[in-house]
Amino acid sequence: MTIYFNSHTITIRRLRPFGSAKQNFSATYTSYAADIQPLEGVRVNNVGGRIGKTYEAFVDASIEVREGDQIDDGSGVRYSVKSVTYFHGAGLLDHKHLIIESQYNA
């Protein structure tokens, strides 16, 4: 059983056409609850990530999120979605597990 706690309120941004030949990220879904945690060091290597920049997030199964989307957690940090895995359970356990990478350059 996977238990996660809603520690962040996120906005999902998706790449959309902007003008005739340009694209821009725009907010698609706003104010969703998510749990964002640093990914364990051993697992970072398995997904080809970088330590300190690769995180995992747990969200409700009904949230529409795809690889390539961006997640904004409201604190100025933006994450790029690298992987989306849907876990089927017995109703209450349904959730999506995301592998995300921080785009924050401080």
PDB file of N, CA and C in Angstrom:
ATOM      1  N   MET A   1       0.836  -1.179   0.000  1.00  0.00           N
ATOM      2  CA  MET A   1       0.000   0.000   0.000  1.00  0.00           C
ATOM      3  C   MET A   1       0.879   1.239   0.000  1.00  0.00           C
ATOM      4  N   THR A   2       0.647   2.148  -0.918  1.00  0.00           N
ATOM      5  CA  THR A   2       1.404   3.385  -0.994  1.00  0.00           C
ATOM      6  C   THR A   2       0.614   4.494  -0.322  1.00  0.00           C
ATOM      7  N   ILE A   3       1.241   5.139   0.636  1.00  0.00           N
ATOM      8  CA  ILE A   3       0.606   6.261   1.311  1.00  0.00           C
ATOM      9  C   ILE A   3       1.411   7.505   0.988  1.00  0.00           C
ATOM     10  N   TYR A   4       0.725   8.533   0.591  1.00  0.00           N
ATOM     11  CA  TYR A   4       1.414   9.790   0.356  1.00  0.00           C
ATOM     12  C   TYR A   4       0.617  10.917   0.988  1.00  0.00           C
ATOM     13  N   PHE A   5       1.334  11.973   1.319  1.00  0.00           N
ATOM     14  CA  PHE A   5       0.725  13.118   1.974  1.00  0.00           C
ATOM     15  C   PHE A   5       0.793  14.316   1.046  1.00  0.00           C
ATOM     16  N   ASN A   6      -0.284  15.035   0.916  1.00  0.00           N
ATOM     17  CA  ASN A   6      -0.336  16.184   0.017  1.00  0.00           C
ATOM     18  C   ASN A   6       0.448  17.337   0.626  1.00  0.00           C
ATOM     19  N   SER A   7       1.687  17.501   0.175  1.00  0.00           N
ATOM     20  CA  SER A   7       2.582  18.506   0.737  1.00  0.00           C
ATOM     21  C   SER A   7       2.708  19.746  -0.137  1.00  0.00           C
ATOM     22  N   HIS A   8       2.213  19.687  -1.376  1.00  0.00           N
ATOM     23  CA  HIS A   8       2.331  20.806  -2.303  1.00  0.00           C
ATOM     24  C   HIS A   8       1.016  21.008  -3.058  1.00  0.00           C
ATOM     25  N   THR A   9       0.791  22.226  -3.477  1.00  0.00           N
ATOM     26  CA  THR A   9      -0.295  22.533  -4.398  1.00  0.00           C
ATOM     27  C   THR A   9       0.362  22.895  -5.719  1.00  0.00           C
ATOM     28  N   ILE A  10       0.049  22.138  -6.765  1.00  0.00           N
ATOM     29  CA  ILE A  10       0.777  22.282  -8.020  1.00  0.00           C
ATOM     30  C   ILE A  10      -0.105  22.836  -9.135  1.00  0.00           C
ATOM     31  N   THR A  11       0.580  23.392 -10.135  1.00  0.00           N
ATOM     32  CA  THR A  11      -0.029  23.815 -11.389  1.00  0.00           C
ATOM     33  C   THR A  11       0.665  23.029 -12.494  1.00  0.00           C
ATOM     34  N   ILE A  12      -0.102  22.428 -13.381  1.00  0.00           N
ATOM     35  CA  ILE A  12       0.465  21.664 -14.494  1.00  0.00           C
ATOM     36  C   ILE A  12       0.443  22.537 -15.729  1.00  0.00           C
ATOM     37  N   ARG A  13       1.587  22.658 -16.386  1.00  0.00           N
ATOM     38  CA  ARG A  13       1.714  23.454 -17.610  1.00  0.00           C
ATOM     39  C   ARG A  13       2.017  22.519 -18.773  1.00  0.00           C
ATOM     40  N   ARG A  14       1.375  22.808 -19.907  1.00  0.00           N
ATOM     41  CA  ARG A  14       1.539  21.978 -21.097  1.00  0.00           C
ATOM     42  C   ARG A  14       1.955  22.846 -22.270  1.00  0.00           C
ATOM     43  N   LEU A  15       2.792  22.299 -23.144  1.00  0.00           N
ATOM     44  CA  LEU A  15       3.256  23.013 -24.328  1.00  0.00           C
ATOM     45  C   LEU A  15       2.104  23.155 -25.311  1.00  0.00           C
ATOM     46  N   ARG A  16       1.791  24.398 -25.681  1.00  0.00           N
ATOM     47  CA  ARG A  16       0.661  24.690 -26.575  1.00  0.00           C
ATOM     48  C   ARG A  16       1.119  25.601 -27.706  1.00  0.00           C
ATOM     49  N   PRO A  17       0.425  25.545 -28.838  1.00  0.00           N
ATOM     50  CA  PRO A  17       0.756  26.457 -29.942  1.00  0.00           C
ATOM     51  C   PRO A  17       0.575  27.912 -29.515  1.00  0.00           C
ATOM     52  N   PHE A  18       1.527  28.734 -29.913  1.00  0.00           N
ATOM     53  CA  PHE A  18       1.508  30.160 -29.592  1.00  0.00           C
ATOM     54  C   PHE A  18       1.897  30.899 -30.867  1.00  0.00           C
ATOM     55  N   GLY A  19       0.917  31.441 -31.545  1.00  0.00           N
ATOM     56  CA  GLY A  19       1.188  32.056 -32.840  1.00  0.00           C
ATOM     57  C   GLY A  19       1.215  31.000 -33.932  1.00  0.00           C
ATOM     58  N   SER A  20       1.818  31.331 -35.066  1.00  0.00           N
ATOM     59  CA  SER A  20       1.786  30.417 -36.202  1.00  0.00           C
ATOM     60  C   SER A  20       2.861  29.339 -36.137  1.00  0.00           C
ATOM     61  N   ALA A  21       4.048  29.661 -35.626  1.00  0.00           N
ATOM     62  CA  ALA A  21       5.127  28.679 -35.633  1.00  0.00           C
ATOM     63  C   ALA A  21       5.832  28.558 -34.294  1.00  0.00           C
ATOM     64  N   LYS A  22       5.211  29.054 -33.243  1.00  0.00           N
ATOM     65  CA  LYS A  22       5.839  29.011 -31.926  1.00  0.00           C
ATOM     66  C   LYS A  22       4.999  28.182 -30.972  1.00  0.00           C
ATOM     67  N   GLN A  23       5.645  27.745 -29.882  1.00  0.00           N
ATOM     68  CA  GLN A  23       4.939  27.044 -28.822  1.00  0.00           C
ATOM     69  C   GLN A  23       5.362  27.644 -27.490  1.00  0.00           C
ATOM     70  N   ASN A  24       4.454  27.581 -26.525  1.00  0.00           N
ATOM     71  CA  ASN A  24       4.722  28.146 -25.214  1.00  0.00           C
ATOM     72  C   ASN A  24       4.004  27.295 -24.168  1.00  0.00           C
ATOM     73  N   PHE A  25       4.582  27.198 -22.960  1.00  0.00           N
ATOM     74  CA  PHE A  25       3.920  26.481 -21.876  1.00  0.00           C
ATOM     75  C   PHE A  25       2.842  27.362 -21.275  1.00  0.00           C
ATOM     76  N   SER A  26       1.656  26.810 -21.112  1.00  0.00           N
ATOM     77  CA  SER A  26       0.568  27.548 -20.473  1.00  0.00           C
ATOM     78  C   SER A  26      -0.093  26.649 -19.433  1.00  0.00           C
ATOM     79  N   ALA A  27      -0.667  27.273 -18.416  1.00  0.00           N
ATOM     80  CA  ALA A  27      -1.297  26.516 -17.340  1.00  0.00           C
ATOM     81  C   ALA A  27      -2.492  25.750 -17.890  1.00  0.00           C
ATOM     82  N   THR A  28      -2.482  24.456 -17.659  1.00  0.00           N
ATOM     83  CA  THR A  28      -3.554  23.594 -18.109  1.00  0.00           C
ATOM     84  C   THR A  28      -4.462  23.223 -16.950  1.00  0.00           C
ATOM     85  N   TYR A  29      -3.862  22.844 -15.874  1.00  0.00           N
ATOM     86  CA  TYR A  29      -4.599  22.453 -14.669  1.00  0.00           C
ATOM     87  C   TYR A  29      -3.970  23.165 -13.481  1.00  0.00           C
ATOM     88  N   THR A  30      -4.777  23.686 -12.588  1.00  0.00           N
ATOM     89  CA  THR A  30      -4.252  24.435 -11.454  1.00  0.00           C
ATOM     90  C   THR A  30      -4.789  23.883 -10.137  1.00  0.00           C
ATOM     91  N   SER A  31      -4.068  24.148  -9.091  1.00  0.00           N
ATOM     92  CA  SER A  31      -4.476  23.847  -7.716  1.00  0.00           C
ATOM     93  C   SER A  31      -4.782  22.378  -7.464  1.00  0.00           C
ATOM     94  N   TYR A  32      -3.852  21.526  -7.801  1.00  0.00           N
ATOM     95  CA  TYR A  32      -3.960  20.112  -7.470  1.00  0.00           C
ATOM     96  C   TYR A  32      -3.025  19.800  -6.319  1.00  0.00           C
ATOM     97  N   ALA A  33      -3.432  18.875  -5.471  1.00  0.00           N
ATOM     98  CA  ALA A  33      -2.602  18.449  -4.356  1.00  0.00           C
ATOM     99  C   ALA A  33      -1.631  17.372  -4.823  1.00  0.00           C
ATOM    100  N   ALA A  34      -0.384  17.461  -4.343  1.00  0.00           N
ATOM    101  CA  ALA A  34       0.644  16.485  -4.702  1.00  0.00           C
ATOM    102  C   ALA A  34       1.620  16.324  -3.549  1.00  0.00           C
ATOM    103  N   ASP A  35       2.307  15.210  -3.547  1.00  0.00           N
ATOM    104  CA  ASP A  35       3.387  14.967  -2.593  1.00  0.00           C
ATOM    105  C   ASP A  35       4.675  14.876  -3.402  1.00  0.00           C
ATOM    106  N   ILE A  36       5.579  15.825  -3.197  1.00  0.00           N
ATOM    107  CA  ILE A  36       6.854  15.862  -3.919  1.00  0.00           C
ATOM    108  C   ILE A  36       7.965  15.550  -2.927  1.00  0.00           C
ATOM    109  N   GLN A  37       8.786  14.531  -3.264  1.00  0.00           N
ATOM    110  CA  GLN A  37       9.869  14.087  -2.398  1.00  0.00           C
ATOM    111  C   GLN A  37      11.140  13.890  -3.216  1.00  0.00           C
ATOM    112  N   PRO A  38      12.317  14.098  -2.597  1.00  0.00           N
ATOM    113  CA  PRO A  38      13.565  13.788  -3.305  1.00  0.00           C
ATOM    114  C   PRO A  38      13.631  12.289  -3.603  1.00  0.00           C
ATOM    115  N   LEU A  39      14.154  11.943  -4.750  1.00  0.00           N
ATOM    116  CA  LEU A  39      14.294  10.540  -5.137  1.00  0.00           C
ATOM    117  C   LEU A  39      15.550   9.978  -4.486  1.00  0.00           C
ATOM    118  N   GLU A  40      15.483   8.746  -4.007  1.00  0.00           N
ATOM    119  CA  GLU A  40      16.623   8.101  -3.358  1.00  0.00           C
ATOM    120  C   GLU A  40      17.802   8.003  -4.329  1.00  0.00           C
ATOM    121  N   GLY A  41      19.013   8.126  -3.794  1.00  0.00           N
ATOM    122  CA  GLY A  41      20.223   8.122  -4.620  1.00  0.00           C
ATOM    123  C   GLY A  41      20.363   6.922  -5.523  1.00  0.00           C
ATOM    124  N   VAL A  42      20.034   5.740  -5.039  1.00  0.00           N
ATOM    125  CA  VAL A  42      20.157   4.523  -5.846  1.00  0.00           C
ATOM    126  C   VAL A  42      19.181   4.564  -7.014  1.00  0.00           C
ATOM    127  N   ARG A  43      17.978   5.050  -6.780  1.00  0.00           N
ATOM    128  CA  ARG A  43      16.967   5.091  -7.833  1.00  0.00           C
ATOM    129  C   ARG A  43      17.246   6.182  -8.860  1.00  0.00           C
ATOM    130  N   VAL A  44      17.983   7.237  -8.470  1.00  0.00           N
ATOM    131  CA  VAL A  44      18.318   8.308  -9.413  1.00  0.00           C
ATOM    132  C   VAL A  44      19.100   7.739 -10.586  1.00  0.00           C
ATOM    133  N   ASN A  45      20.051   6.854 -10.317  1.00  0.00           N
ATOM    134  CA  ASN A  45      20.845   6.240 -11.386  1.00  0.00           C
ATOM    135  C   ASN A  45      19.994   5.369 -12.297  1.00  0.00           C
ATOM    136  N   ASN A  46      18.987   4.721 -11.742  1.00  0.00           N
ATOM    137  CA  ASN A  46      18.119   3.855 -12.545  1.00  0.00           C
ATOM    138  C   ASN A  46      17.306   4.633 -13.572  1.00  0.00           C
ATOM    139  N   VAL A  47      16.973   5.870 -13.283  1.00  0.00           N
ATOM    140  CA  VAL A  47      16.168   6.665 -14.213  1.00  0.00           C
ATOM    141  C   VAL A  47      17.021   7.648 -15.011  1.00  0.00           C
ATOM    142  N   GLY A  48      18.333   7.602 -14.817  1.00  0.00           N
ATOM    143  CA  GLY A  48      19.223   8.492 -15.567  1.00  0.00           C
ATOM    144  C   GLY A  48      19.113   9.936 -15.137  1.00  0.00           C
ATOM    145  N   GLY A  49      18.847  10.157 -13.851  1.00  0.00           N
ATOM    146  CA  GLY A  49      18.686  11.520 -13.341  1.00  0.00           C
ATOM    147  C   GLY A  49      19.955  12.033 -12.687  1.00  0.00           C
ATOM    148  N   ARG A  50      19.835  13.185 -12.036  1.00  0.00           N
ATOM    149  CA  ARG A  50      20.952  13.793 -11.322  1.00  0.00           C
ATOM    150  C   ARG A  50      20.568  13.954  -9.862  1.00  0.00           C
ATOM    151  N   ILE A  51      21.474  13.584  -8.983  1.00  0.00           N
ATOM    152  CA  ILE A  51      21.217  13.686  -7.545  1.00  0.00           C
ATOM    153  C   ILE A  51      20.988  15.151  -7.191  1.00  0.00           C
ATOM    154  N   GLY A  52      19.958  15.417  -6.414  1.00  0.00           N
ATOM    155  CA  GLY A  52      19.613  16.764  -6.003  1.00  0.00           C
ATOM    156  C   GLY A  52      18.669  17.480  -6.949  1.00  0.00           C
ATOM    157  N   LYS A  53      18.448  16.918  -8.144  1.00  0.00           N
ATOM    158  CA  LYS A  53      17.535  17.546  -9.100  1.00  0.00           C
ATOM    159  C   LYS A  53      16.383  16.623  -9.489  1.00  0.00           C
ATOM    160  N   THR A  54      16.477  15.343  -9.119  1.00  0.00           N
ATOM    161  CA  THR A  54      15.457  14.377  -9.503  1.00  0.00           C
ATOM    162  C   THR A  54      14.564  14.066  -8.307  1.00  0.00           C
ATOM    163  N   TYR A  55      13.260  14.165  -8.518  1.00  0.00           N
ATOM    164  CA  TYR A  55      12.277  13.990  -7.452  1.00  0.00           C
ATOM    165  C   TYR A  55      11.216  13.010  -7.926  1.00  0.00           C
ATOM    166  N   GLU A  56      10.399  12.575  -6.979  1.00  0.00           N
ATOM    167  CA  GLU A  56       9.219  11.799  -7.323  1.00  0.00           C
ATOM    168  C   GLU A  56       8.011  12.513  -6.745  1.00  0.00           C
ATOM    169  N   ALA A  57       6.900  12.373  -7.421  1.00  0.00           N
ATOM    170  CA  ALA A  57       5.661  13.005  -6.961  1.00  0.00           C
ATOM    171  C   ALA A  57       4.536  11.990  -7.055  1.00  0.00           C
ATOM    172  N   PHE A  58       3.623  12.083  -6.116  1.00  0.00           N
ATOM    173  CA  PHE A  58       2.440  11.239  -6.100  1.00  0.00           C
ATOM    174  C   PHE A  58       1.226  12.147  -6.217  1.00  0.00           C
ATOM    175  N   VAL A  59       0.352  11.844  -7.174  1.00  0.00           N
ATOM    176  CA  VAL A  59      -0.857  12.636  -7.385  1.00  0.00           C
ATOM    177  C   VAL A  59      -2.042  11.698  -7.544  1.00  0.00           C
ATOM    178  N   ASP A  60      -3.225  12.254  -7.447  1.00  0.00           N
ATOM    179  CA  ASP A  60      -4.447  11.486  -7.625  1.00  0.00           C
ATOM    180  C   ASP A  60      -4.524  10.935  -9.054  1.00  0.00           C
ATOM    181  N   ALA A  61      -5.131   9.774  -9.187  1.00  0.00           N
ATOM    182  CA  ALA A  61      -5.216   9.120 -10.495  1.00  0.00           C
ATOM    183  C   ALA A  61      -6.027   9.916 -11.505  1.00  0.00           C
ATOM    184  N   SER A  62      -6.912  10.795 -11.056  1.00  0.00           N
ATOM    185  CA  SER A  62      -7.772  11.549 -11.969  1.00  0.00           C
ATOM    186  C   SER A  62      -7.070  12.753 -12.599  1.00  0.00           C
ATOM    187  N   ILE A  63      -5.873  13.085 -12.134  1.00  0.00           N
ATOM    188  CA  ILE A  63      -5.160  14.257 -12.652  1.00  0.00           C
ATOM    189  C   ILE A  63      -4.553  13.934 -14.010  1.00  0.00           C
ATOM    190  N   GLU A  64      -4.820  14.770 -14.988  1.00  0.00           N
ATOM    191  CA  GLU A  64      -4.312  14.592 -16.350  1.00  0.00           C
ATOM    192  C   GLU A  64      -2.912  15.186 -16.433  1.00  0.00           C
ATOM    193  N   VAL A  65      -1.909  14.324 -16.419  1.00  0.00           N
ATOM    194  CA  VAL A  65      -0.520  14.761 -16.527  1.00  0.00           C
ATOM    195  C   VAL A  65       0.200  13.813 -17.485  1.00  0.00           C
ATOM    196  N   ARG A  66       1.077  14.381 -18.325  1.00  0.00           N
ATOM    197  CA  ARG A  66       1.794  13.604 -19.328  1.00  0.00           C
ATOM    198  C   ARG A  66       3.284  13.880 -19.250  1.00  0.00           C
ATOM    199  N   GLU A  67       4.064  12.978 -19.831  1.00  0.00           N
ATOM    200  CA  GLU A  67       5.499  13.220 -19.949  1.00  0.00           C
ATOM    201  C   GLU A  67       5.704  14.469 -20.793  1.00  0.00           C
ATOM    202  N   GLY A  68       6.639  15.306 -20.378  1.00  0.00           N
ATOM    203  CA  GLY A  68       6.902  16.546 -21.096  1.00  0.00           C
ATOM    204  C   GLY A  68       6.206  17.750 -20.502  1.00  0.00           C
ATOM    205  N   ASP A  69       5.195  17.522 -19.662  1.00  0.00           N
ATOM    206  CA  ASP A  69       4.529  18.629 -18.978  1.00  0.00           C
ATOM    207  C   ASP A  69       5.478  19.243 -17.954  1.00  0.00           C
ATOM    208  N   GLN A  70       5.140  20.429 -17.508  1.00  0.00           N
ATOM    209  CA  GLN A  70       5.884  21.066 -16.431  1.00  0.00           C
ATOM    210  C   GLN A  70       4.967  21.220 -15.228  1.00  0.00           C
ATOM    211  N   ILE A  71       5.563  21.104 -14.044  1.00  0.00           N
ATOM    212  CA  ILE A  71       4.828  21.268 -12.797  1.00  0.00           C
ATOM    213  C   ILE A  71       5.439  22.429 -12.042  1.00  0.00           C
ATOM    214  N   ASP A  72       4.597  23.350 -11.616  1.00  0.00           N
ATOM    215  CA  ASP A  72       5.013  24.501 -10.824  1.00  0.00           C
ATOM    216  C   ASP A  72       4.440  24.304  -9.429  1.00  0.00           C
ATOM    217  N   ASP A  73       5.300  24.324  -8.402  1.00  0.00           N
ATOM    218  CA  ASP A  73       4.815  24.067  -7.044  1.00  0.00           C
ATOM    219  C   ASP A  73       4.505  25.339  -6.262  1.00  0.00           C
ATOM    220  N   GLY A  74       4.533  26.480  -6.927  1.00  0.00           N
ATOM    221  CA  GLY A  74       4.169  27.734  -6.288  1.00  0.00           C
ATOM    222  C   GLY A  74       5.283  28.417  -5.523  1.00  0.00           C
ATOM    223  N   SER A  75       6.436  27.761  -5.393  1.00  0.00           N
ATOM    224  CA  SER A  75       7.555  28.354  -4.652  1.00  0.00           C
ATOM    225  C   SER A  75       8.647  28.870  -5.585  1.00  0.00           C
ATOM    226  N   GLY A  76       8.371  28.895  -6.864  1.00  0.00           N
ATOM    227  CA  GLY A  76       9.362  29.359  -7.825  1.00  0.00           C
ATOM    228  C   GLY A  76      10.151  28.228  -8.464  1.00  0.00           C
ATOM    229  N   VAL A  77       9.903  27.005  -8.021  1.00  0.00           N
ATOM    230  CA  VAL A  77      10.583  25.847  -8.600  1.00  0.00           C
ATOM    231  C   VAL A  77       9.664  25.214  -9.627  1.00  0.00           C
ATOM    232  N   ARG A  78      10.207  24.949 -10.792  1.00  0.00           N
ATOM    233  CA  ARG A  78       9.445  24.299 -11.850  1.00  0.00           C
ATOM    234  C   ARG A  78      10.106  22.962 -12.147  1.00  0.00           C
ATOM    235  N   TYR A  79       9.287  21.943 -12.325  1.00  0.00           N
ATOM    236  CA  TYR A  79       9.774  20.592 -12.584  1.00  0.00           C
ATOM    237  C   TYR A  79       9.323  20.142 -13.966  1.00  0.00           C
ATOM    238  N   SER A  80      10.154  19.350 -14.617  1.00  0.00           N
ATOM    239  CA  SER A  80       9.800  18.739 -15.889  1.00  0.00           C
ATOM    240  C   SER A  80       9.419  17.284 -15.627  1.00  0.00           C
ATOM    241  N   VAL A  81       8.293  16.840 -16.157  1.00  0.00           N
ATOM    242  CA  VAL A  81       7.821  15.473 -15.934  1.00  0.00           C
ATOM    243  C   VAL A  81       8.570  14.534 -16.881  1.00  0.00           C
ATOM    244  N   LYS A  82       9.289  13.575 -16.299  1.00  0.00           N
ATOM    245  CA  LYS A  82      10.074  12.613 -17.077  1.00  0.00           C
ATOM    246  C   LYS A  82       9.364  11.283 -17.263  1.00  0.00           C
ATOM    247  N   SER A  83       8.521  10.898 -16.285  1.00  0.00           N
ATOM    248  CA  SER A  83       7.849   9.602 -16.341  1.00  0.00           C
ATOM    249  C   SER A  83       6.536   9.674 -15.579  1.00  0.00           C
ATOM    250  N   VAL A  84       5.518   9.000 -16.112  1.00  0.00           N
ATOM    251  CA  VAL A  84       4.214   8.906 -15.452  1.00  0.00           C
ATOM    252  C   VAL A  84       3.832   7.426 -15.397  1.00  0.00           C
ATOM    253  N   THR A  85       3.587   6.925 -14.181  1.00  0.00           N
ATOM    254  CA  THR A  85       3.165   5.543 -13.990  1.00  0.00           C
ATOM    255  C   THR A  85       1.844   5.549 -13.235  1.00  0.00           C
ATOM    256  N   TYR A  86       0.863   4.852 -13.783  1.00  0.00           N
ATOM    257  CA  TYR A  86      -0.464   4.796 -13.174  1.00  0.00           C
ATOM    258  C   TYR A  86      -0.583   3.495 -12.387  1.00  0.00           C
ATOM    259  N   PHE A  87      -0.876   3.609 -11.102  1.00  0.00           N
ATOM    260  CA  PHE A  87      -1.038   2.438 -10.249  1.00  0.00           C
ATOM    261  C   PHE A  87      -2.518   2.213  -9.987  1.00  0.00           C
ATOM    262  N   HIS A  88      -2.994   1.023 -10.352  1.00  0.00           N
ATOM    263  CA  HIS A  88      -4.388   0.643 -10.129  1.00  0.00           C
ATOM    264  C   HIS A  88      -4.479  -0.055  -8.784  1.00  0.00           C
ATOM    265  N   GLY A  89      -5.442   0.318  -8.001  1.00  0.00           N
ATOM    266  CA  GLY A  89      -5.639  -0.319  -6.704  1.00  0.00           C
ATOM    267  C   GLY A  89      -7.086  -0.650  -6.502  1.00  0.00           C
ATOM    268  N   ALA A  90      -7.505  -0.610  -5.281  1.00  0.00           N
ATOM    269  CA  ALA A  90      -8.891  -0.923  -4.951  1.00  0.00           C
ATOM    270  C   ALA A  90      -9.673   0.363  -4.731  1.00  0.00           C
ATOM    271  N   GLY A  91      -9.613   1.259  -5.685  1.00  0.00           N
ATOM    272  CA  GLY A  91     -10.362   2.512  -5.586  1.00  0.00           C
ATOM    273  C   GLY A  91      -9.602   3.590  -4.838  1.00  0.00           C
ATOM    274  N   LEU A  92      -9.462   3.447  -3.538  1.00  0.00           N
ATOM    275  CA  LEU A  92      -8.783   4.467  -2.741  1.00  0.00           C
ATOM    276  C   LEU A  92      -7.283   4.499  -2.979  1.00  0.00           C
ATOM    277  N   LEU A  93      -6.720   3.439  -3.495  1.00  0.00           N
ATOM    278  CA  LEU A  93      -5.276   3.358  -3.677  1.00  0.00           C
ATOM    279  C   LEU A  93      -4.817   3.821  -5.055  1.00  0.00           C
ATOM    280  N   ASP A  94      -5.727   4.110  -5.966  1.00  0.00           N
ATOM    281  CA  ASP A  94      -5.343   4.557  -7.306  1.00  0.00           C
ATOM    282  C   ASP A  94      -4.560   5.855  -7.206  1.00  0.00           C
ATOM    283  N   HIS A  95      -3.425   5.914  -7.887  1.00  0.00           N
ATOM    284  CA  HIS A  95      -2.627   7.133  -7.909  1.00  0.00           C
ATOM    285  C   HIS A  95      -1.667   7.086  -9.099  1.00  0.00           C
ATOM    286  N   LYS A  96      -1.074   8.229  -9.387  1.00  0.00           N
ATOM    287  CA  LYS A  96      -0.038   8.313 -10.413  1.00  0.00           C
ATOM    288  C   LYS A  96       1.268   8.656  -9.725  1.00  0.00           C
ATOM    289  N   HIS A  97       2.319   7.963 -10.153  1.00  0.00           N
ATOM    290  CA  HIS A  97       3.662   8.191  -9.632  1.00  0.00           C
ATOM    291  C   HIS A  97       4.456   8.879 -10.735  1.00  0.00           C
ATOM    292  N   LEU A  98       4.980  10.063 -10.435  1.00  0.00           N
ATOM    293  CA  LEU A  98       5.714  10.844 -11.425  1.00  0.00           C
ATOM    294  C   LEU A  98       7.183  10.913 -11.052  1.00  0.00           C
ATOM    295  N   ILE A  99       8.042  10.806 -12.040  1.00  0.00           N
ATOM    296  CA  ILE A  99       9.461  11.121 -11.870  1.00  0.00           C
ATOM    297  C   ILE A  99       9.632  12.493 -12.496  1.00  0.00           C
ATOM    298  N   ILE A 100      10.111  13.449 -11.703  1.00  0.00           N
ATOM    299  CA  ILE A 100      10.226  14.819 -12.171  1.00  0.00           C
ATOM    300  C   ILE A 100      11.646  15.323 -11.925  1.00  0.00           C
ATOM    301  N   GLU A 101      12.053  16.301 -12.722  1.00  0.00           N
ATOM    302  CA  GLU A 101      13.389  16.879 -12.595  1.00  0.00           C
ATOM    303  C   GLU A 101      13.270  18.388 -12.420  1.00  0.00           C
ATOM    304  N   SER A 102      13.940  18.893 -11.399  1.00  0.00           N
ATOM    305  CA  SER A 102      13.885  20.322 -11.098  1.00  0.00           C
ATOM    306  C   SER A 102      14.561  21.126 -12.199  1.00  0.00           C
ATOM    307  N   GLN A 103      13.923  22.234 -12.590  1.00  0.00           N
ATOM    308  CA  GLN A 103      14.481  23.127 -13.596  1.00  0.00           C
ATOM    309  C   GLN A 103      15.024  24.397 -12.950  1.00  0.00           C
ATOM    310  N   TYR A 104      15.067  24.410 -11.626  1.00  0.00           N
ATOM    311  CA  TYR A 104      15.513  25.586 -10.857  1.00  0.00           C
ATOM    312  C   TYR A 104      17.022  25.692 -10.918  1.00  0.00           C
ATOM    313  N   ASN A 105      17.527  26.842 -11.319  1.00  0.00           N
ATOM    314  CA  ASN A 105      18.974  27.064 -11.450  1.00  0.00           C
ATOM    315  C   ASN A 105      19.417  28.180 -10.532  1.00  0.00           C
ATOM    316  N   ALA A 106      19.634  27.879  -9.275  1.00  0.00           N
ATOM    317  CA  ALA A 106      20.081  28.899  -8.336  1.00  0.00           C
ATOM    318  C   ALA A 106      21.528  28.717  -7.985  1.00  0.00           C
TER     319      ALA A 106
END
